[in-house]
Amino acid sequence: MRVLSLIICACVFLGACETIKGVGRDIENAGEALDDAVDSD
């Protein structure tokens, strides 16, 4: 039971890290788009 709990926690942790990376990329892309929009004016 303990091993199963550790495996589940590891999977959740790895999934959360990947989600956070994706959010970081989305925010970075939005910032770049905003910079491009400001620079084009």
N, C-alpha and C. Protein backbone atom coordinates (compact mmCIF):
# COMPACT_ATOMS: atom_id res chain seq x y z
N MET A 1 0.83 -1.20 0.00
CA MET A 1 0.00 0.00 0.00
C MET A 1 0.87 1.26 0.00
N ARG A 2 1.93 1.24 0.77
CA ARG A 2 2.82 2.39 0.86
C ARG A 2 3.51 2.65 -0.49
N VAL A 3 3.93 1.57 -1.16
CA VAL A 3 4.59 1.71 -2.45
C VAL A 3 3.63 2.30 -3.47
N LEU A 4 2.40 1.84 -3.46
CA LEU A 4 1.39 2.35 -4.39
C LEU A 4 1.16 3.85 -4.14
N SER A 5 1.11 4.25 -2.89
CA SER A 5 0.93 5.66 -2.56
C SER A 5 2.10 6.50 -3.08
N LEU A 6 3.32 6.00 -2.94
CA LEU A 6 4.49 6.72 -3.42
C LEU A 6 4.48 6.84 -4.94
N ILE A 7 4.05 5.79 -5.62
CA ILE A 7 3.98 5.83 -7.08
C ILE A 7 2.94 6.85 -7.53
N ILE A 8 1.80 6.87 -6.90
CA ILE A 8 0.75 7.83 -7.24
C ILE A 8 1.23 9.26 -6.99
N CYS A 9 1.88 9.50 -5.86
CA CYS A 9 2.40 10.83 -5.55
C CYS A 9 3.44 11.27 -6.58
N ALA A 10 4.30 10.35 -6.99
CA ALA A 10 5.33 10.67 -7.99
C ALA A 10 4.68 11.04 -9.32
N CYS A 11 3.65 10.31 -9.72
CA CYS A 11 2.96 10.61 -10.98
C CYS A 11 2.28 11.97 -10.92
N VAL A 12 1.64 12.27 -9.82
CA VAL A 12 0.97 13.57 -9.67
C VAL A 12 2.00 14.69 -9.70
N PHE A 13 3.11 14.50 -9.01
CA PHE A 13 4.17 15.52 -8.98
C PHE A 13 4.72 15.77 -10.37
N LEU A 14 5.01 14.71 -11.11
CA LEU A 14 5.55 14.87 -12.46
C LEU A 14 4.54 15.52 -13.39
N GLY A 15 3.28 15.18 -13.25
CA GLY A 15 2.24 15.81 -14.05
C GLY A 15 2.11 17.29 -13.74
N ALA A 16 2.21 17.64 -12.48
CA ALA A 16 2.12 19.05 -12.07
C ALA A 16 3.29 19.84 -12.62
N CYS A 17 4.47 19.27 -12.61
CA CYS A 17 5.65 19.97 -13.15
C CYS A 17 5.46 20.25 -14.63
N GLU A 18 4.94 19.29 -15.36
CA GLU A 18 4.74 19.49 -16.79
C GLU A 18 3.68 20.55 -17.03
N THR A 19 2.65 20.59 -16.22
CA THR A 19 1.61 21.60 -16.36
C THR A 19 2.17 23.00 -16.09
N ILE A 20 3.00 23.12 -15.07
CA ILE A 20 3.59 24.41 -14.73
C ILE A 20 4.51 24.89 -15.86
N LYS A 21 5.24 23.96 -16.47
CA LYS A 21 6.09 24.33 -17.62
C LYS A 21 5.22 24.86 -18.76
N GLY A 22 4.10 24.21 -19.01
CA GLY A 22 3.20 24.65 -20.08
C GLY A 22 2.63 26.03 -19.81
N VAL A 23 2.26 26.29 -18.57
CA VAL A 23 1.73 27.61 -18.21
C VAL A 23 2.82 28.66 -18.39
N GLY A 24 4.04 28.34 -18.01
CA GLY A 24 5.15 29.27 -18.17
C GLY A 24 5.39 29.61 -19.63
N ARG A 25 5.30 28.60 -20.49
CA ARG A 25 5.47 28.86 -21.94
C ARG A 25 4.34 29.72 -22.47
N ASP A 26 3.10 29.47 -22.02
CA ASP A 26 1.97 30.27 -22.47
C ASP A 26 2.12 31.73 -22.06
N ILE A 27 2.55 31.96 -20.83
CA ILE A 27 2.75 33.33 -20.34
C ILE A 27 3.87 34.01 -21.12
N GLU A 28 4.93 33.27 -21.39
CA GLU A 28 6.04 33.83 -22.16
C GLU A 28 5.59 34.20 -23.57
N ASN A 29 4.82 33.33 -24.21
CA ASN A 29 4.32 33.62 -25.56
C ASN A 29 3.39 34.84 -25.55
N ALA A 30 2.55 34.95 -24.53
CA ALA A 30 1.65 36.10 -24.44
C ALA A 30 2.46 37.39 -24.26
N GLY A 31 3.50 37.34 -23.46
CA GLY A 31 4.35 38.51 -23.26
C GLY A 31 5.05 38.92 -24.54
N GLU A 32 5.53 37.95 -25.29
CA GLU A 32 6.18 38.25 -26.57
C GLU A 32 5.19 38.86 -27.56
N ALA A 33 3.97 38.34 -27.59
CA ALA A 33 2.95 38.88 -28.49
C ALA A 33 2.62 40.32 -28.10
N LEU A 34 2.56 40.58 -26.81
CA LEU A 34 2.29 41.94 -26.35
C LEU A 34 3.43 42.88 -26.73
N ASP A 35 4.66 42.42 -26.56
CA ASP A 35 5.82 43.23 -26.97
C ASP A 35 5.78 43.52 -28.46
N ASP A 36 5.45 42.52 -29.25
CA ASP A 36 5.37 42.71 -30.70
C ASP A 36 4.28 43.72 -31.06
N ALA A 37 3.16 43.64 -30.36
CA ALA A 37 2.05 44.57 -30.64
C ALA A 37 2.45 46.00 -30.30
N VAL A 38 3.15 46.19 -29.20
CA VAL A 38 3.58 47.52 -28.78
C VAL A 38 4.65 48.05 -29.74
N ASP A 39 5.57 47.17 -30.14
CA ASP A 39 6.64 47.59 -31.05
C ASP A 39 6.12 47.97 -32.44
N SER A 40 5.03 47.36 -32.86
CA SER A 40 4.52 47.62 -34.21
C SER A 40 3.83 48.98 -34.31
N ASP A 41 3.46 49.56 -33.18
CA ASP A 41 2.80 50.88 -33.20
C ASP A 41 3.76 52.01 -33.42
